[in-house]
C-alpha atoms as a PDB file:
ATOM      1  CA  MET A   1      -5.110 -24.477 -70.623  1.00  0.00           C
ATOM      2  CA  LYS A   2      -7.545 -25.085 -67.954  1.00  0.00           C
ATOM      3  CA  ARG A   3      -9.311 -27.509 -70.824  1.00  0.00           C
ATOM      4  CA  TYR A   4      -6.330 -29.558 -70.735  1.00  0.00           C
ATOM      5  CA  PHE A   5      -6.215 -29.583 -66.183  1.00  0.00           C
ATOM      6  CA  LYS A   6      -9.796 -30.287 -65.592  1.00  0.00           C
ATOM      7  CA  ILE A   7      -9.094 -32.624 -68.082  1.00  0.00           C
ATOM      8  CA  TRP A   8      -6.062 -34.318 -66.613  1.00  0.00           C
ATOM      9  CA  LEU A   9      -8.741 -33.816 -63.332  1.00  0.00           C
ATOM     10  CA  ILE A  10     -11.115 -36.475 -64.730  1.00  0.00           C
ATOM     11  CA  LEU A  11      -8.648 -38.680 -65.886  1.00  0.00           C
ATOM     12  CA  THR A  12      -5.836 -38.925 -62.392  1.00  0.00           C
ATOM     13  CA  GLY A  13      -9.554 -39.934 -60.658  1.00  0.00           C
ATOM     14  CA  ILE A  14     -10.457 -42.213 -63.351  1.00  0.00           C
ATOM     15  CA  ALA A  15      -7.307 -43.893 -62.567  1.00  0.00           C
ATOM     16  CA  SER A  16      -7.300 -43.308 -59.309  1.00  0.00           C
ATOM     17  CA  GLN A  17      -9.968 -45.133 -58.573  1.00  0.00           C
ATOM     18  CA  ILE A  18      -9.120 -47.810 -60.617  1.00  0.00           C
ATOM     19  CA  ALA A  19      -5.499 -48.639 -58.406  1.00  0.00           C
ATOM     20  CA  PHE A  20      -7.537 -47.933 -55.175  1.00  0.00           C
ATOM     21  CA  GLN A  21     -10.617 -50.574 -55.559  1.00  0.00           C
ATOM     22  CA  SER A  22      -8.786 -53.428 -53.769  1.00  0.00           C
ATOM     23  CA  ARG A  23      -6.030 -53.691 -51.135  1.00  0.00           C
ATOM     24  CA  PHE A  24      -3.857 -54.920 -53.446  1.00  0.00           C
ATOM     25  CA  GLY A  25      -4.135 -52.371 -55.952  1.00  0.00           C
ATOM     26  CA  ALA A  26      -4.075 -49.594 -53.520  1.00  0.00           C
ATOM     27  CA  VAL A  27      -0.853 -50.849 -52.103  1.00  0.00           C
ATOM     28  CA  VAL A  28       1.101 -51.412 -55.594  1.00  0.00           C
ATOM     29  CA  PHE A  29       0.293 -48.322 -56.104  1.00  0.00           C
ATOM     30  CA  ILE A  30       1.426 -46.553 -52.898  1.00  0.00           C
ATOM     31  CA  ILE A  31       5.244 -48.883 -53.320  1.00  0.00           C
ATOM     32  CA  GLY A  32       4.943 -47.175 -57.217  1.00  0.00           C
ATOM     33  CA  LYS A  33       4.772 -43.214 -55.919  1.00  0.00           C
ATOM     34  CA  ILE A  34       7.261 -44.097 -53.040  1.00  0.00           C
ATOM     35  CA  LEU A  35      10.178 -45.616 -55.344  1.00  0.00           C
ATOM     36  CA  ARG A  36       9.437 -43.065 -58.548  1.00  0.00           C
ATOM     37  CA  PHE A  37      10.428 -40.317 -55.605  1.00  0.00           C
ATOM     38  CA  LEU A  38      13.105 -42.264 -54.077  1.00  0.00           C
ATOM     39  CA  PHE A  39      14.578 -43.171 -57.857  1.00  0.00           C
ATOM     40  CA  PHE A  40      14.530 -39.502 -58.019  1.00  0.00           C
ATOM     41  CA  LEU A  41      15.843 -38.192 -54.965  1.00  0.00           C
ATOM     42  CA  LEU A  42      18.917 -40.207 -56.753  1.00  0.00           C
ATOM     43  CA  PHE A  43      18.852 -38.886 -59.578  1.00  0.00           C
ATOM     44  CA  LEU A  44      18.866 -35.276 -58.289  1.00  0.00           C
ATOM     45  CA  LEU A  45      21.868 -36.824 -55.522  1.00  0.00           C
ATOM     46  CA  LEU A  46      23.779 -38.275 -59.039  1.00  0.00           C
ATOM     47  CA  LEU A  47      23.046 -35.828 -60.600  1.00  0.00           C
ATOM     48  CA  PHE A  48      25.072 -32.829 -58.513  1.00  0.00           C
ATOM     49  CA  SER A  49      27.589 -34.630 -57.747  1.00  0.00           C
ATOM     50  CA  LYS A  50      28.348 -35.404 -60.907  1.00  0.00           C
ATOM     51  CA  THR A  51      28.039 -32.730 -62.852  1.00  0.00           C
ATOM     52  CA  ASN A  52      31.627 -30.446 -61.010  1.00  0.00           C
ATOM     53  CA  ALA A  53      33.493 -33.693 -63.614  1.00  0.00           C
ATOM     54  CA  ILE A  54      31.474 -32.942 -66.627  1.00  0.00           C
ATOM     55  CA  ALA A  55      31.744 -29.291 -66.078  1.00  0.00           C
ATOM     56  CA  GLY A  56      35.432 -29.337 -65.111  1.00  0.00           C
END
């Protein structure tokens, strides 16, 4: 498991360096992360608000 985590860290670092090479890439990267987080929160909100109807 440590080996896979180390590989993941290396690949994440390389991907981040590529994204942050230019100002535009950094802005797009950050906006994408924020949008992904907001959609996840929306999904959780909808999941918890609508499961009562599903469960009965």
